Amino acid sequence: MADSKVCVAETAKVAPPLPPCYHPHMTIYQTFSRSLVALAAAAAMLACSASNNWRDYSSQDAPYRVMFPDKPSVHKRTIDLDGMKVEMTMTAVDREGTIYAVGSAEAPDAARAKAALAAMKTALVRNIGATVKSEKASAQASSSDGQRASLDVEANGVQNGTPMKLIGHFEARDKRFYQVIVMGKDKAMPQEQVEQFMTSFKLL
């Protein structure tokens, strides 16, 4: 019952030249923007049907499971998160303009994995020129699970003149970190499907 689909950001060597900008995070912003566009195009091409076809997906690259509303696609790219370059695997589905995606990567150490959560959130929020509506952070350490941290965000913005919404869960466990997001037109995001996707994400 599983398959996959996704996309991320390219390094300066692979990506086309970026326009000059004074903003220190613009490189991340441009990268994630291109990734989401590519991700949406790939997802649309691989969609199984016009109706939702929920399936349980277990990643082969990282220890997590999640339910996707259709057949996902998988892409790997090198991204730069505030100076830390990592290879991220993005798995995603585009359902009628709403993107459901999970990204996973590994940092050199647990501290930098935790720091990556804020960097990913900032990049995605800026991608739609959004304002954070709500944000909740938590952290814990245990002998069984190691160091864990999470960040949950809901943001509203505008992309190409269209009101957009981003719902994101960012989580780190030891050296691995993840982004679980749903992004789409504010008035067209199906709440039940969003909740089903977000709550189905589990680390193994």
Protein backbone atom coordinates (compact mmCIF):
# COMPACT_ATOMS: atom_id res chain seq x y z
CA MET A 1 0.00 0.00 0.00
CA ALA A 2 2.89 2.40 -0.34
CA ASP A 3 4.71 4.48 -2.87
CA SER A 4 6.21 7.97 -2.92
CA LYS A 5 6.75 11.57 -4.22
CA VAL A 6 8.54 14.79 -3.26
CA CYS A 7 11.05 17.56 -3.82
CA VAL A 8 13.50 19.93 -2.13
CA ALA A 9 16.07 22.64 -2.69
CA GLU A 10 19.12 22.66 -4.86
CA THR A 11 22.56 23.98 -4.05
CA ALA A 12 23.95 27.00 -5.87
CA LYS A 13 25.87 24.68 -8.21
CA VAL A 14 22.68 23.07 -9.51
CA ALA A 15 20.12 25.84 -9.22
CA PRO A 16 19.91 28.69 -11.76
CA PRO A 17 21.44 32.04 -10.71
CA LEU A 18 19.44 33.82 -8.05
CA PRO A 19 18.60 37.53 -8.31
CA PRO A 20 20.59 39.75 -5.93
CA CYS A 21 18.85 40.29 -2.65
CA TYR A 22 19.85 41.72 0.68
CA HIS A 23 17.81 39.22 2.70
CA PRO A 24 20.06 36.63 4.43
CA HIS A 25 17.45 33.86 4.05
CA MET A 26 16.58 34.48 0.39
CA THR A 27 18.64 31.53 -0.82
CA ILE A 28 16.59 29.15 1.32
CA TYR A 29 13.39 30.89 0.26
CA GLN A 30 14.19 30.59 -3.45
CA THR A 31 15.22 26.97 -3.04
CA PHE A 32 12.07 25.83 -1.25
CA SER A 33 9.92 27.79 -3.68
CA ARG A 34 11.40 25.98 -6.67
CA SER A 35 11.09 22.67 -4.82
CA LEU A 36 7.40 23.07 -4.11
CA VAL A 37 6.68 24.03 -7.72
CA ALA A 38 8.58 21.00 -9.01
CA LEU A 39 6.96 18.83 -6.37
CA ALA A 40 3.47 19.91 -7.42
CA ALA A 41 4.19 19.22 -11.08
CA ALA A 42 5.58 15.76 -10.38
CA ALA A 43 2.70 14.90 -8.07
CA ALA A 44 0.11 15.92 -10.61
CA MET A 45 1.70 13.67 -13.21
CA LEU A 46 1.71 10.66 -10.87
CA ALA A 47 -1.73 11.11 -9.33
CA CYS A 48 -3.66 7.84 -9.29
CA SER A 49 -7.17 9.19 -9.68
CA ALA A 50 -9.40 12.19 -9.23
CA SER A 51 -10.57 10.94 -5.85
CA ASN A 52 -8.58 10.45 -2.67
CA ASN A 53 -6.85 7.12 -2.37
CA TRP A 54 -5.37 7.05 1.12
CA ARG A 55 -2.40 4.79 1.62
CA ASP A 56 0.02 3.98 4.40
CA TYR A 57 3.55 5.03 3.47
CA SER A 58 6.71 3.80 5.22
CA SER A 59 9.86 5.65 4.24
CA GLN A 60 12.92 3.69 3.14
CA ASP A 61 15.19 6.65 3.89
CA ALA A 62 14.10 7.54 7.42
CA PRO A 63 12.21 5.84 10.26
CA TYR A 64 8.69 7.24 9.85
CA ARG A 65 5.22 6.33 8.61
CA VAL A 66 2.45 8.56 7.29
CA MET A 67 -0.83 8.36 5.38
CA PHE A 68 -0.88 10.08 1.98
CA PRO A 69 -4.15 10.88 0.18
CA ASP A 70 -2.75 9.53 -3.09
CA LYS A 71 0.35 7.95 -4.61
CA PRO A 72 3.35 10.07 -3.54
CA SER A 73 6.57 10.75 -5.41
CA VAL A 74 10.05 11.04 -3.93
CA HIS A 75 12.86 13.47 -4.74
CA LYS A 76 16.27 14.07 -3.19
CA ARG A 77 18.15 17.36 -3.28
CA THR A 78 20.93 19.07 -1.39
CA ILE A 79 19.66 22.05 0.56
CA ASP A 80 21.30 24.78 2.61
CA LEU A 81 19.72 25.54 5.98
CA ASP A 82 21.48 28.54 7.48
CA GLY A 83 24.86 27.29 6.29
CA MET A 84 24.27 23.59 6.97
CA LYS A 85 24.15 21.60 3.74
CA VAL A 86 22.25 18.33 3.90
CA GLU A 87 20.61 15.94 1.49
CA MET A 88 16.88 16.03 2.06
CA THR A 89 14.40 13.45 0.84
CA MET A 90 11.02 14.98 0.09
CA THR A 91 7.96 12.76 -0.39
CA ALA A 92 4.75 14.46 -1.49
CA VAL A 93 1.36 14.44 -3.14
CA ASP A 94 -0.46 17.29 -4.87
CA ARG A 95 -4.22 16.92 -4.45
CA GLU A 96 -6.03 19.56 -6.50
CA GLY A 97 -3.51 22.25 -5.62
CA THR A 98 -3.00 21.27 -1.98
CA ILE A 99 0.46 19.83 -1.29
CA TYR A 100 0.95 17.14 1.35
CA ALA A 101 4.66 16.60 1.96
CA VAL A 102 7.18 15.06 4.31
CA GLY A 103 10.85 16.00 4.20
CA SER A 104 13.59 14.16 6.06
CA ALA A 105 17.32 14.70 6.47
CA GLU A 106 20.18 14.05 8.86
CA ALA A 107 22.36 16.69 10.54
CA PRO A 108 25.92 16.24 11.82
CA ASP A 109 24.64 16.27 15.40
CA ALA A 110 21.47 16.60 17.49
CA ALA A 111 21.98 20.31 18.21
CA ARG A 112 22.05 21.21 14.53
CA ALA A 113 19.09 18.96 13.81
CA LYS A 114 17.10 20.93 16.37
CA ALA A 115 18.29 24.24 14.88
CA ALA A 116 17.13 23.10 11.45
CA LEU A 117 13.50 23.17 12.58
CA ALA A 118 13.39 26.95 12.83
CA ALA A 119 15.29 27.34 9.54
CA MET A 120 12.80 25.16 7.67
CA LYS A 121 9.84 26.95 9.23
CA THR A 122 11.24 30.38 8.32
CA ALA A 123 11.91 29.36 4.72
CA LEU A 124 8.44 27.95 4.16
CA VAL A 125 6.63 30.81 5.86
CA ARG A 126 8.54 33.34 3.73
CA ASN A 127 7.75 31.28 0.65
CA ILE A 128 4.14 32.48 0.78
CA GLY A 129 4.88 35.84 2.41
CA ALA A 130 3.01 34.55 5.40
CA THR A 131 2.23 35.74 8.88
CA VAL A 132 2.42 33.09 11.59
CA LYS A 133 -1.02 32.61 13.10
CA SER A 134 0.01 30.13 15.78
CA GLU A 135 3.25 28.47 16.86
CA LYS A 136 4.07 25.89 19.50
CA ALA A 137 7.47 24.44 20.37
CA SER A 138 8.40 21.54 22.63
CA ALA A 139 11.55 19.60 23.56
CA GLN A 140 12.35 16.52 25.60
CA ALA A 141 15.12 14.06 26.32
CA SER A 142 14.70 10.42 27.33
CA SER A 143 16.86 7.33 27.52
CA SER A 144 14.65 5.46 25.07
CA ASP A 145 14.02 8.14 22.45
CA GLY A 146 17.09 10.33 22.75
CA GLN A 147 16.83 14.09 22.23
CA ARG A 148 13.59 15.25 20.64
CA ALA A 149 12.19 18.63 19.69
CA SER A 150 9.20 19.75 17.69
CA LEU A 151 7.66 22.91 16.29
CA ASP A 152 4.08 23.28 15.06
CA VAL A 153 3.06 26.24 12.95
CA GLU A 154 0.01 27.58 11.17
CA ALA A 155 0.54 30.55 8.86
CA ASN A 156 -1.47 32.54 6.33
CA GLY A 157 -0.06 34.42 3.37
CA VAL A 158 -0.48 35.30 -0.29
CA GLN A 159 1.17 33.73 -3.33
CA ASN A 160 0.64 35.25 -6.78
CA GLY A 161 -2.32 37.17 -5.38
CA THR A 162 -4.01 34.07 -3.95
CA PRO A 163 -4.57 33.63 -0.19
CA MET A 164 -2.54 30.64 0.99
CA LYS A 165 -2.31 28.59 4.17
CA LEU A 166 0.59 26.59 5.57
CA ILE A 167 0.24 24.00 8.31
CA GLY A 168 3.57 22.57 9.38
CA HIS A 169 4.99 20.14 11.91
CA PHE A 170 8.78 20.18 12.26
CA GLU A 171 10.43 17.52 14.38
CA ALA A 172 13.95 16.44 15.33
CA ARG A 173 15.03 13.21 16.98
CA ASP A 174 18.74 12.96 17.66
CA LYS A 175 20.49 13.76 14.34
CA ARG A 176 17.45 13.32 12.11
CA PHE A 177 14.92 16.05 11.40
CA TYR A 178 11.63 16.19 9.54
CA GLN A 179 9.14 18.62 8.06
CA VAL A 180 5.51 17.57 7.66
CA ILE A 181 3.52 20.19 5.79
CA VAL A 182 0.25 20.89 4.06
CA MET A 183 0.16 23.98 1.89
CA GLY A 184 -2.50 25.26 -0.46
CA LYS A 185 -5.19 27.82 -1.15
CA ASP A 186 -6.71 28.98 2.11
CA LYS A 187 -10.34 28.39 1.11
CA ALA A 188 -9.68 25.10 -0.70
CA MET A 189 -7.80 23.08 1.92
CA PRO A 190 -9.99 20.15 3.06
CA GLN A 191 -9.76 20.25 6.86
CA GLU A 192 -10.54 16.58 7.44
CA GLN A 193 -7.86 15.46 5.00
CA VAL A 194 -5.34 17.88 6.48
CA GLU A 195 -5.95 16.53 9.97
CA GLN A 196 -5.79 12.93 8.80
CA PHE A 197 -2.45 13.51 7.10
CA MET A 198 -0.87 15.52 9.92
CA THR A 199 -1.95 13.19 12.72
CA SER A 200 -0.87 10.07 10.81
CA PHE A 201 2.81 11.04 10.85
CA LYS A 202 4.70 8.81 13.29
CA LEU A 203 8.38 8.31 13.98
CA LEU A 204 9.38 4.66 14.29
